[in-house]
């Protein structure tokens, strides 16, 4: 369940962040900021659904999924081919997220 929440949160965050990018860097209509802000609010709400006792742990683990989503965005939406450093960094971050999510905890 937490992975699905993180994937949905990544999509919402990317949508909101790209809306700001599109307005400020691509000259799109400032009206695009309204759905972008809504998307960012949905992102924040979704992260509250992550199974974690601590916000910091939930956000830290989410970081790996977020980086994966941006690499996919780069490749699919912007036609930028990820290089070996993009992929290596992404894998390192995903391993870190896995340790944070599923590492054994003591009470």
PDB file of N, CA and C in Angstrom:
ATOM      1  N   UNK A   1       0.825  -1.201   0.000  1.00  0.00           N
ATOM      2  CA  UNK A   1       0.000   0.000   0.000  1.00  0.00           C
ATOM      3  C   UNK A   1       0.863   1.256   0.000  1.00  0.00           C
ATOM      4  N   UNK A   2       1.916   1.260   0.809  1.00  0.00           N
ATOM      5  CA  UNK A   2       2.771   2.445   0.890  1.00  0.00           C
ATOM      6  C   UNK A   2       3.421   2.756  -0.449  1.00  0.00           C
ATOM      7  N   UNK A   3       3.838   1.740  -1.172  1.00  0.00           N
ATOM      8  CA  UNK A   3       4.456   1.968  -2.490  1.00  0.00           C
ATOM      9  C   UNK A   3       3.450   2.634  -3.425  1.00  0.00           C
ATOM     10  N   UNK A   4       2.194   2.186  -3.403  1.00  0.00           N
ATOM     11  CA  UNK A   4       1.172   2.806  -4.256  1.00  0.00           C
ATOM     12  C   UNK A   4       0.941   4.264  -3.873  1.00  0.00           C
ATOM     13  N   UNK A   5       0.942   4.536  -2.571  1.00  0.00           N
ATOM     14  CA  UNK A   5       0.808   5.923  -2.104  1.00  0.00           C
ATOM     15  C   UNK A   5       1.977   6.749  -2.619  1.00  0.00           C
ATOM     16  N   UNK A   6       3.184   6.198  -2.540  1.00  0.00           N
ATOM     17  CA  UNK A   6       4.361   6.930  -3.006  1.00  0.00           C
ATOM     18  C   UNK A   6       4.316   7.182  -4.513  1.00  0.00           C
ATOM     19  N   UNK A   7       3.847   6.218  -5.268  1.00  0.00           N
ATOM     20  CA  UNK A   7       3.749   6.405  -6.719  1.00  0.00           C
ATOM     21  C   UNK A   7       2.734   7.504  -7.041  1.00  0.00           C
ATOM     22  N   UNK A   8       1.569   7.450  -6.397  1.00  0.00           N
ATOM     23  CA  UNK A   8       0.557   8.492  -6.620  1.00  0.00           C
ATOM     24  C   UNK A   8       1.083   9.856  -6.182  1.00  0.00           C
ATOM     25  N   UNK A   9       1.787   9.895  -5.055  1.00  0.00           N
ATOM     26  CA  UNK A   9       2.352  11.161  -4.570  1.00  0.00           C
ATOM     27  C   UNK A   9       3.383  11.702  -5.557  1.00  0.00           C
ATOM     28  N   UNK A  10       4.194  10.828  -6.109  1.00  0.00           N
ATOM     29  CA  UNK A  10       5.207  11.269  -7.082  1.00  0.00           C
ATOM     30  C   UNK A  10       4.538  11.885  -8.305  1.00  0.00           C
ATOM     31  N   UNK A  11       3.491  11.251  -8.800  1.00  0.00           N
ATOM     32  CA  UNK A  11       2.779  11.800  -9.957  1.00  0.00           C
ATOM     33  C   UNK A  11       2.179  13.163  -9.640  1.00  0.00           C
ATOM     34  N   UNK A  12       1.599  13.283  -8.452  1.00  0.00           N
ATOM     35  CA  UNK A  12       1.011  14.567  -8.055  1.00  0.00           C
ATOM     36  C   UNK A  12       2.086  15.641  -7.890  1.00  0.00           C
ATOM     37  N   UNK A  13       3.203  15.283  -7.267  1.00  0.00           N
ATOM     38  CA  UNK A  13       4.264  16.270  -7.075  1.00  0.00           C
ATOM     39  C   UNK A  13       4.883  16.691  -8.400  1.00  0.00           C
ATOM     40  N   UNK A  14       5.123  15.739  -9.267  1.00  0.00           N
ATOM     41  CA  UNK A  14       5.696  16.071 -10.571  1.00  0.00           C
ATOM     42  C   UNK A  14       4.751  16.965 -11.357  1.00  0.00           C
ATOM     43  N   UNK A  15       3.451  16.654 -11.311  1.00  0.00           N
ATOM     44  CA  UNK A  15       2.480  17.505 -11.997  1.00  0.00           C
ATOM     45  C   UNK A  15       2.513  18.935 -11.489  1.00  0.00           C
ATOM     46  N   UNK A  16       2.562  19.096 -10.179  1.00  0.00           N
ATOM     47  CA  UNK A  16       2.609  20.441  -9.601  1.00  0.00           C
ATOM     48  C   UNK A  16       3.912  21.158  -9.901  1.00  0.00           C
ATOM     49  N   UNK A  17       5.009  20.468  -9.749  1.00  0.00           N
ATOM     50  CA  UNK A  17       6.314  21.086 -10.014  1.00  0.00           C
ATOM     51  C   UNK A  17       6.477  21.426 -11.491  1.00  0.00           C
ATOM     52  N   UNK A  18       6.010  20.553 -12.367  1.00  0.00           N
ATOM     53  CA  UNK A  18       6.140  20.845 -13.789  1.00  0.00           C
ATOM     54  C   UNK A  18       5.262  22.021 -14.199  1.00  0.00           C
ATOM     55  N   UNK A  19       4.130  22.193 -13.541  1.00  0.00           N
ATOM     56  CA  UNK A  19       3.283  23.356 -13.833  1.00  0.00           C
ATOM     57  C   UNK A  19       4.052  24.651 -13.556  1.00  0.00           C
ATOM     58  N   UNK A  20       4.759  24.707 -12.442  1.00  0.00           N
ATOM     59  CA  UNK A  20       5.562  25.890 -12.128  1.00  0.00           C
ATOM     60  C   UNK A  20       6.677  26.061 -13.159  1.00  0.00           C
ATOM     61  N   UNK A  21       7.342  24.970 -13.504  1.00  0.00           N
ATOM     62  CA  UNK A  21       8.400  25.008 -14.519  1.00  0.00           C
ATOM     63  C   UNK A  21       7.846  25.544 -15.843  1.00  0.00           C
ATOM     64  N   UNK A  22       6.679  25.022 -16.224  1.00  0.00           N
ATOM     65  CA  UNK A  22       6.082  25.415 -17.504  1.00  0.00           C
ATOM     66  C   UNK A  22       5.761  26.905 -17.534  1.00  0.00           C
ATOM     67  N   UNK A  23       5.293  27.439 -16.419  1.00  0.00           N
ATOM     68  CA  UNK A  23       4.969  28.870 -16.367  1.00  0.00           C
ATOM     69  C   UNK A  23       6.242  29.707 -16.376  1.00  0.00           C
ATOM     70  N   UNK A  24       7.187  29.369 -15.521  1.00  0.00           N
ATOM     71  CA  UNK A  24       8.379  30.206 -15.357  1.00  0.00           C
ATOM     72  C   UNK A  24       9.444  30.000 -16.424  1.00  0.00           C
ATOM     73  N   UNK A  25       9.559  28.795 -16.952  1.00  0.00           N
ATOM     74  CA  UNK A  25      10.630  28.525 -17.908  1.00  0.00           C
ATOM     75  C   UNK A  25      10.160  28.372 -19.347  1.00  0.00           C
ATOM     76  N   UNK A  26       8.898  27.971 -19.516  1.00  0.00           N
ATOM     77  CA  UNK A  26       8.397  27.737 -20.871  1.00  0.00           C
ATOM     78  C   UNK A  26       7.386  28.791 -21.319  1.00  0.00           C
ATOM     79  N   UNK A  27       7.113  29.759 -20.440  1.00  0.00           N
ATOM     80  CA  UNK A  27       6.222  30.852 -20.810  1.00  0.00           C
ATOM     81  C   UNK A  27       4.753  30.482 -20.929  1.00  0.00           C
ATOM     82  N   UNK A  28       4.331  29.417 -20.282  1.00  0.00           N
ATOM     83  CA  UNK A  28       2.924  29.030 -20.328  1.00  0.00           C
ATOM     84  C   UNK A  28       2.077  29.967 -19.475  1.00  0.00           C
ATOM     85  N   UNK A  29       0.781  29.883 -19.628  1.00  0.00           N
ATOM     86  CA  UNK A  29      -0.160  30.741 -18.915  1.00  0.00           C
ATOM     87  C   UNK A  29      -0.033  30.577 -17.402  1.00  0.00           C
ATOM     88  N   UNK A  30      -0.060  31.686 -16.672  1.00  0.00           N
ATOM     89  CA  UNK A  30      -0.028  31.596 -15.207  1.00  0.00           C
ATOM     90  C   UNK A  30      -1.219  30.836 -14.623  1.00  0.00           C
ATOM     91  N   UNK A  31      -2.275  30.693 -15.389  1.00  0.00           N
ATOM     92  CA  UNK A  31      -3.426  29.915 -14.933  1.00  0.00           C
ATOM     93  C   UNK A  31      -3.056  28.451 -14.701  1.00  0.00           C
ATOM     94  N   UNK A  32      -1.994  28.015 -15.309  1.00  0.00           N
ATOM     95  CA  UNK A  32      -1.531  26.644 -15.107  1.00  0.00           C
ATOM     96  C   UNK A  32      -1.087  26.410 -13.658  1.00  0.00           C
ATOM     97  N   UNK A  33      -0.806  27.492 -12.947  1.00  0.00           N
ATOM     98  CA  UNK A  33      -0.394  27.351 -11.551  1.00  0.00           C
ATOM     99  C   UNK A  33      -1.529  26.847 -10.662  1.00  0.00           C
ATOM    100  N   UNK A  34      -2.771  27.142 -11.018  1.00  0.00           N
ATOM    101  CA  UNK A  34      -3.891  26.690 -10.175  1.00  0.00           C
ATOM    102  C   UNK A  34      -3.982  25.167 -10.101  1.00  0.00           C
ATOM    103  N   UNK A  35      -4.027  24.460 -11.222  1.00  0.00           N
ATOM    104  CA  UNK A  35      -4.014  22.994 -11.082  1.00  0.00           C
ATOM    105  C   UNK A  35      -2.693  22.488 -10.507  1.00  0.00           C
ATOM    106  N   UNK A  36      -1.607  23.219 -10.754  1.00  0.00           N
ATOM    107  CA  UNK A  36      -0.326  22.826 -10.181  1.00  0.00           C
ATOM    108  C   UNK A  36      -0.341  22.878  -8.664  1.00  0.00           C
ATOM    109  N   UNK A  37      -0.921  23.939  -8.119  1.00  0.00           N
ATOM    110  CA  UNK A  37      -1.016  24.055  -6.659  1.00  0.00           C
ATOM    111  C   UNK A  37      -1.943  22.989  -6.081  1.00  0.00           C
ATOM    112  N   UNK A  38      -3.025  22.711  -6.769  1.00  0.00           N
ATOM    113  CA  UNK A  38      -3.921  21.641  -6.321  1.00  0.00           C
ATOM    114  C   UNK A  38      -3.182  20.305  -6.335  1.00  0.00           C
ATOM    115  N   UNK A  39      -2.411  20.076  -7.361  1.00  0.00           N
ATOM    116  CA  UNK A  39      -1.634  18.846  -7.464  1.00  0.00           C
ATOM    117  C   UNK A  39      -0.640  18.725  -6.311  1.00  0.00           C
ATOM    118  N   UNK A  40      -0.006  19.824  -5.946  1.00  0.00           N
ATOM    119  CA  UNK A  40       0.945  19.792  -4.826  1.00  0.00           C
ATOM    120  C   UNK A  40       0.236  19.561  -3.496  1.00  0.00           C
ATOM    121  N   UNK A  41      -0.970  20.095  -3.343  1.00  0.00           N
ATOM    122  CA  UNK A  41      -1.746  19.839  -2.122  1.00  0.00           C
ATOM    123  C   UNK A  41      -2.127  18.358  -2.038  1.00  0.00           C
ATOM    124  N   UNK A  42      -2.503  17.777  -3.158  1.00  0.00           N
ATOM    125  CA  UNK A  42      -2.832  16.344  -3.195  1.00  0.00           C
ATOM    126  C   UNK A  42      -1.601  15.515  -2.850  1.00  0.00           C
ATOM    127  N   UNK A  43      -0.443  15.928  -3.371  1.00  0.00           N
ATOM    128  CA  UNK A  43       0.818  15.255  -3.033  1.00  0.00           C
ATOM    129  C   UNK A  43       1.034  15.230  -1.520  1.00  0.00           C
ATOM    130  N   UNK A  44       0.892  16.379  -0.884  1.00  0.00           N
ATOM    131  CA  UNK A  44       1.118  16.452   0.560  1.00  0.00           C
ATOM    132  C   UNK A  44       0.116  15.574   1.313  1.00  0.00           C
ATOM    133  N   UNK A  45      -1.129  15.584   0.890  1.00  0.00           N
ATOM    134  CA  UNK A  45      -2.148  14.749   1.529  1.00  0.00           C
ATOM    135  C   UNK A  45      -1.817  13.267   1.361  1.00  0.00           C
ATOM    136  N   UNK A  46      -1.417  12.886   0.161  1.00  0.00           N
ATOM    137  CA  UNK A  46      -1.094  11.478  -0.092  1.00  0.00           C
ATOM    138  C   UNK A  46       0.014  10.980   0.828  1.00  0.00           C
ATOM    139  N   UNK A  47       1.014  11.807   1.072  1.00  0.00           N
ATOM    140  CA  UNK A  47       2.108  11.344   1.933  1.00  0.00           C
ATOM    141  C   UNK A  47       1.656  11.108   3.363  1.00  0.00           C
ATOM    142  N   UNK A  48       0.545  11.738   3.769  1.00  0.00           N
ATOM    143  CA  UNK A  48       0.035  11.442   5.114  1.00  0.00           C
ATOM    144  C   UNK A  48      -0.541  10.036   5.193  1.00  0.00           C
ATOM    145  N   UNK A  49      -0.807   9.417   4.046  1.00  0.00           N
ATOM    146  CA  UNK A  49      -1.356   8.058   4.014  1.00  0.00           C
ATOM    147  C   UNK A  49      -0.276   6.982   4.073  1.00  0.00           C
ATOM    148  N   UNK A  50       0.979   7.366   3.940  1.00  0.00           N
ATOM    149  CA  UNK A  50       2.086   6.397   3.989  1.00  0.00           C
ATOM    150  C   UNK A  50       2.160   5.770   5.374  1.00  0.00           C
ATOM    151  N   UNK A  51       2.393   4.484   5.402  1.00  0.00           N
ATOM    152  CA  UNK A  51       2.487   3.761   6.666  1.00  0.00           C
ATOM    153  C   UNK A  51       3.828   4.038   7.330  1.00  0.00           C
ATOM    154  N   UNK A  52       3.843   5.013   8.217  1.00  0.00           N
ATOM    155  CA  UNK A  52       5.057   5.367   8.945  1.00  0.00           C
ATOM    156  C   UNK A  52       4.662   6.084  10.222  1.00  0.00           C
ATOM    157  N   UNK A  53       5.409   5.827  11.272  1.00  0.00           N
ATOM    158  CA  UNK A  53       5.138   6.515  12.527  1.00  0.00           C
ATOM    159  C   UNK A  53       5.702   7.932  12.538  1.00  0.00           C
ATOM    160  N   UNK A  54       6.591   8.234  11.603  1.00  0.00           N
ATOM    161  CA  UNK A  54       7.266   9.522  11.589  1.00  0.00           C
ATOM    162  C   UNK A  54       7.218  10.139  10.197  1.00  0.00           C
ATOM    163  N   UNK A  55       6.898  11.407  10.141  1.00  0.00           N
ATOM    164  CA  UNK A  55       6.842  12.113   8.860  1.00  0.00           C
ATOM    165  C   UNK A  55       8.206  12.104   8.178  1.00  0.00           C
ATOM    166  N   UNK A  56       9.259  12.308   8.935  1.00  0.00           N
ATOM    167  CA  UNK A  56      10.599  12.345   8.358  1.00  0.00           C
ATOM    168  C   UNK A  56      10.960  11.048   7.659  1.00  0.00           C
ATOM    169  N   UNK A  57      10.580   9.923   8.253  1.00  0.00           N
ATOM    170  CA  UNK A  57      10.869   8.621   7.653  1.00  0.00           C
ATOM    171  C   UNK A  57      10.031   8.423   6.385  1.00  0.00           C
ATOM    172  N   UNK A  58       8.777   8.832   6.426  1.00  0.00           N
ATOM    173  CA  UNK A  58       7.908   8.697   5.256  1.00  0.00           C
ATOM    174  C   UNK A  58       8.450   9.523   4.098  1.00  0.00           C
ATOM    175  N   UNK A  59       8.860  10.753   4.362  1.00  0.00           N
ATOM    176  CA  UNK A  59       9.382  11.617   3.308  1.00  0.00           C
ATOM    177  C   UNK A  59      10.727  11.134   2.793  1.00  0.00           C
ATOM    178  N   UNK A  60      11.562  10.648   3.682  1.00  0.00           N
ATOM    179  CA  UNK A  60      12.879  10.156   3.259  1.00  0.00           C
ATOM    180  C   UNK A  60      12.737   8.943   2.350  1.00  0.00           C
ATOM    181  N   UNK A  61      11.887   8.007   2.716  1.00  0.00           N
ATOM    182  CA  UNK A  61      11.685   6.819   1.884  1.00  0.00           C
ATOM    183  C   UNK A  61      11.042   7.192   0.556  1.00  0.00           C
ATOM    184  N   UNK A  62      10.149   8.164   0.572  1.00  0.00           N
ATOM    185  CA  UNK A  62       9.497   8.623  -0.647  1.00  0.00           C
ATOM    186  C   UNK A  62      10.506   9.170  -1.652  1.00  0.00           C
ATOM    187  N   UNK A  63      11.602   9.716  -1.169  1.00  0.00           N
ATOM    188  CA  UNK A  63      12.602  10.323  -2.046  1.00  0.00           C
ATOM    189  C   UNK A  63      13.079   9.399  -3.155  1.00  0.00           C
ATOM    190  N   UNK A  64      13.263   8.127  -2.865  1.00  0.00           N
ATOM    191  CA  UNK A  64      13.711   7.181  -3.886  1.00  0.00           C
ATOM    192  C   UNK A  64      12.687   7.005  -4.998  1.00  0.00           C
ATOM    193  N   UNK A  65      11.421   6.931  -4.616  1.00  0.00           N
ATOM    194  CA  UNK A  65      10.346   6.789  -5.605  1.00  0.00           C
ATOM    195  C   UNK A  65      10.239   8.063  -6.442  1.00  0.00           C
ATOM    196  N   UNK A  66      10.405   9.200  -5.796  1.00  0.00           N
ATOM    197  CA  UNK A  66      10.353  10.485  -6.486  1.00  0.00           C
ATOM    198  C   UNK A  66      11.453  10.573  -7.554  1.00  0.00           C
ATOM    199  N   UNK A  67      12.644  10.159  -7.215  1.00  0.00           N
ATOM    200  CA  UNK A  67      13.755  10.203  -8.170  1.00  0.00           C
ATOM    201  C   UNK A  67      13.492   9.252  -9.337  1.00  0.00           C
ATOM    202  N   UNK A  68      12.996   8.061  -9.056  1.00  0.00           N
ATOM    203  CA  UNK A  68      12.622   7.129 -10.124  1.00  0.00           C
ATOM    204  C   UNK A  68      11.592   7.767 -11.054  1.00  0.00           C
ATOM    205  N   UNK A  69      10.579   8.405 -10.482  1.00  0.00           N
ATOM    206  CA  UNK A  69       9.531   9.029 -11.290  1.00  0.00           C
ATOM    207  C   UNK A  69      10.098  10.137 -12.171  1.00  0.00           C
ATOM    208  N   UNK A  70      11.029  10.930 -11.648  1.00  0.00           N
ATOM    209  CA  UNK A  70      11.611  12.005 -12.457  1.00  0.00           C
ATOM    210  C   UNK A  70      12.490  11.461 -13.569  1.00  0.00           C
ATOM    211  N   UNK A  71      13.193  10.382 -13.311  1.00  0.00           N
ATOM    212  CA  UNK A  71      13.991   9.774 -14.377  1.00  0.00           C
ATOM    213  C   UNK A  71      13.067   9.276 -15.489  1.00  0.00           C
ATOM    214  N   UNK A  72      11.945   8.659 -15.111  1.00  0.00           N
ATOM    215  CA  UNK A  72      10.970   8.221 -16.110  1.00  0.00           C
ATOM    216  C   UNK A  72      10.371   9.412 -16.857  1.00  0.00           C
ATOM    217  N   UNK A  73      10.099  10.499 -16.141  1.00  0.00           N
ATOM    218  CA  UNK A  73       9.582  11.725 -16.776  1.00  0.00           C
ATOM    219  C   UNK A  73      10.586  12.251 -17.805  1.00  0.00           C
ATOM    220  N   UNK A  74      11.838  12.325 -17.399  1.00  0.00           N
ATOM    221  CA  UNK A  74      12.903  12.781 -18.295  1.00  0.00           C
ATOM    222  C   UNK A  74      12.897  11.958 -19.583  1.00  0.00           C
ATOM    223  N   UNK A  75      12.804  10.653 -19.433  1.00  0.00           N
ATOM    224  CA  UNK A  75      12.893   9.737 -20.561  1.00  0.00           C
ATOM    225  C   UNK A  75      11.639   9.776 -21.431  1.00  0.00           C
ATOM    226  N   UNK A  76      10.465   9.666 -20.805  1.00  0.00           N
ATOM    227  CA  UNK A  76       9.217   9.532 -21.560  1.00  0.00           C
ATOM    228  C   UNK A  76       8.660  10.876 -22.027  1.00  0.00           C
ATOM    229  N   UNK A  77       8.593  11.839 -21.126  1.00  0.00           N
ATOM    230  CA  UNK A  77       7.916  13.101 -21.441  1.00  0.00           C
ATOM    231  C   UNK A  77       8.833  14.125 -22.101  1.00  0.00           C
ATOM    232  N   UNK A  78      10.117  14.103 -21.743  1.00  0.00           N
ATOM    233  CA  UNK A  78      11.029  15.110 -22.288  1.00  0.00           C
ATOM    234  C   UNK A  78      11.998  14.535 -23.326  1.00  0.00           C
ATOM    235  N   UNK A  79      11.860  13.271 -23.609  1.00  0.00           N
ATOM    236  CA  UNK A  79      12.712  12.590 -24.590  1.00  0.00           C
ATOM    237  C   UNK A  79      14.200  12.724 -24.288  1.00  0.00           C
ATOM    238  N   UNK A  80      14.515  12.877 -23.009  1.00  0.00           N
ATOM    239  CA  UNK A  80      15.922  12.909 -22.596  1.00  0.00           C
ATOM    240  C   UNK A  80      16.328  11.513 -22.159  1.00  0.00           C
ATOM    241  N   UNK A  81      17.396  11.040 -22.694  1.00  0.00           N
ATOM    242  CA  UNK A  81      17.830   9.686 -22.354  1.00  0.00           C
ATOM    243  C   UNK A  81      18.655   9.711 -21.066  1.00  0.00           C
ATOM    244  N   UNK A  82      18.209   8.987 -20.026  1.00  0.00           N
ATOM    245  CA  UNK A  82      18.993   8.925 -18.791  1.00  0.00           C
ATOM    246  C   UNK A  82      20.355   8.295 -19.075  1.00  0.00           C
ATOM    247  N   UNK A  83      21.418   8.869 -18.511  1.00  0.00           N
ATOM    248  CA  UNK A  83      22.737   8.278 -18.700  1.00  0.00           C
ATOM    249  C   UNK A  83      23.046   7.336 -17.532  1.00  0.00           C
ATOM    250  N   UNK A  84      24.214   6.756 -17.571  1.00  0.00           N
ATOM    251  CA  UNK A  84      24.556   5.767 -16.536  1.00  0.00           C
ATOM    252  C   UNK A  84      24.605   6.386 -15.153  1.00  0.00           C
ATOM    253  N   UNK A  85      24.934   7.671 -15.058  1.00  0.00           N
ATOM    254  CA  UNK A  85      24.984   8.328 -13.755  1.00  0.00           C
ATOM    255  C   UNK A  85      23.583   8.579 -13.220  1.00  0.00           C
ATOM    256  N   UNK A  86      22.659   8.918 -14.102  1.00  0.00           N
ATOM    257  CA  UNK A  86      21.258   9.039 -13.687  1.00  0.00           C
ATOM    258  C   UNK A  86      20.767   7.711 -13.126  1.00  0.00           C
ATOM    259  N   UNK A  87      21.042   6.639 -13.856  1.00  0.00           N
ATOM    260  CA  UNK A  87      20.561   5.318 -13.451  1.00  0.00           C
ATOM    261  C   UNK A  87      21.248   4.823 -12.181  1.00  0.00           C
ATOM    262  N   UNK A  88      22.546   5.061 -12.078  1.00  0.00           N
ATOM    263  CA  UNK A  88      23.269   4.649 -10.865  1.00  0.00           C
ATOM    264  C   UNK A  88      22.750   5.410  -9.654  1.00  0.00           C
ATOM    265  N   UNK A  89      22.575   6.702  -9.794  1.00  0.00           N
ATOM    266  CA  UNK A  89      22.051   7.505  -8.691  1.00  0.00           C
ATOM    267  C   UNK A  89      20.657   7.070  -8.291  1.00  0.00           C
ATOM    268  N   UNK A  90      19.818   6.785  -9.288  1.00  0.00           N
ATOM    269  CA  UNK A  90      18.465   6.331  -9.011  1.00  0.00           C
ATOM    270  C   UNK A  90      18.480   5.008  -8.243  1.00  0.00           C
ATOM    271  N   UNK A  91      19.327   4.071  -8.672  1.00  0.00           N
ATOM    272  CA  UNK A  91      19.396   2.787  -7.980  1.00  0.00           C
ATOM    273  C   UNK A  91      19.888   2.933  -6.544  1.00  0.00           C
ATOM    274  N   UNK A  92      20.856   3.794  -6.339  1.00  0.00           N
ATOM    275  CA  UNK A  92      21.349   4.042  -4.978  1.00  0.00           C
ATOM    276  C   UNK A  92      20.221   4.598  -4.107  1.00  0.00           C
ATOM    277  N   UNK A  93      19.465   5.544  -4.659  1.00  0.00           N
ATOM    278  CA  UNK A  93      18.367   6.145  -3.903  1.00  0.00           C
ATOM    279  C   UNK A  93      17.265   5.131  -3.615  1.00  0.00           C
ATOM    280  N   UNK A  94      16.959   4.279  -4.588  1.00  0.00           N
ATOM    281  CA  UNK A  94      15.940   3.252  -4.358  1.00  0.00           C
ATOM    282  C   UNK A  94      16.385   2.249  -3.295  1.00  0.00           C
ATOM    283  N   UNK A  95      17.662   1.915  -3.289  1.00  0.00           N
ATOM    284  CA  UNK A  95      18.163   1.019  -2.240  1.00  0.00           C
ATOM    285  C   UNK A  95      18.057   1.698  -0.873  1.00  0.00           C
ATOM    286  N   UNK A  96      18.372   2.978  -0.820  1.00  0.00           N
ATOM    287  CA  UNK A  96      18.234   3.714   0.434  1.00  0.00           C
ATOM    288  C   UNK A  96      16.790   3.772   0.897  1.00  0.00           C
ATOM    289  N   UNK A  97      15.873   4.014  -0.032  1.00  0.00           N
ATOM    290  CA  UNK A  97      14.451   4.039   0.316  1.00  0.00           C
ATOM    291  C   UNK A  97      13.999   2.687   0.844  1.00  0.00           C
ATOM    292  N   UNK A  98      14.475   1.594   0.223  1.00  0.00           N
ATOM    293  CA  UNK A  98      14.110   0.253   0.677  1.00  0.00           C
ATOM    294  C   UNK A  98      14.612  -0.007   2.101  1.00  0.00           C
ATOM    295  N   UNK A  99      15.819   0.425   2.386  1.00  0.00           N
ATOM    296  CA  UNK A  99      16.362   0.247   3.744  1.00  0.00           C
ATOM    297  C   UNK A  99      15.512   1.026   4.747  1.00  0.00           C
ATOM    298  N   UNK A 100      15.158   2.259   4.388  1.00  0.00           N
ATOM    299  CA  UNK A 100      14.337   3.070   5.293  1.00  0.00           C
ATOM    300  C   UNK A 100      12.963   2.440   5.488  1.00  0.00           C
ATOM    301  N   UNK A 101      12.358   1.962   4.411  1.00  0.00           N
ATOM    302  CA  UNK A 101      11.003   1.384   4.506  1.00  0.00           C
ATOM    303  C   UNK A 101      10.962   0.045   5.220  1.00  0.00           C
ATOM    304  N   UNK A 102      11.884  -0.833   4.865  1.00  0.00           N
ATOM    305  CA  UNK A 102      11.767  -2.207   5.314  1.00  0.00           C
ATOM    306  C   UNK A 102      12.870  -2.668   6.260  1.00  0.00           C
ATOM    307  N   UNK A 103      13.724  -1.757   6.686  1.00  0.00           N
ATOM    308  CA  UNK A 103      14.760  -2.133   7.645  1.00  0.00           C
ATOM    309  C   UNK A 103      14.124  -2.554   8.972  1.00  0.00           C
ATOM    310  N   UNK A 104      14.742  -3.514   9.636  1.00  0.00           N
ATOM    311  CA  UNK A 104      14.163  -3.968  10.911  1.00  0.00           C
ATOM    312  C   UNK A 104      14.186  -2.850  11.947  1.00  0.00           C
ATOM    313  N   UNK A 105      13.110  -2.706  12.647  1.00  0.00           N
ATOM    314  CA  UNK A 105      12.972  -1.675  13.679  1.00  0.00           C
ATOM    315  C   UNK A 105      12.883  -2.332  15.038  1.00  0.00           C
ATOM    316  N   UNK A 106      13.472  -1.707  16.011  1.00  0.00           N
ATOM    317  CA  UNK A 106      13.319  -2.156  17.396  1.00  0.00           C
ATOM    318  C   UNK A 106      12.443  -1.126  18.101  1.00  0.00           C
ATOM    319  N   UNK A 107      11.684  -1.600  19.031  1.00  0.00           N
ATOM    320  CA  UNK A 107      10.722  -0.728  19.737  1.00  0.00           C
ATOM    321  C   UNK A 107      11.375   0.284  20.602  1.00  0.00           C
TER     322      UNK A 107
END
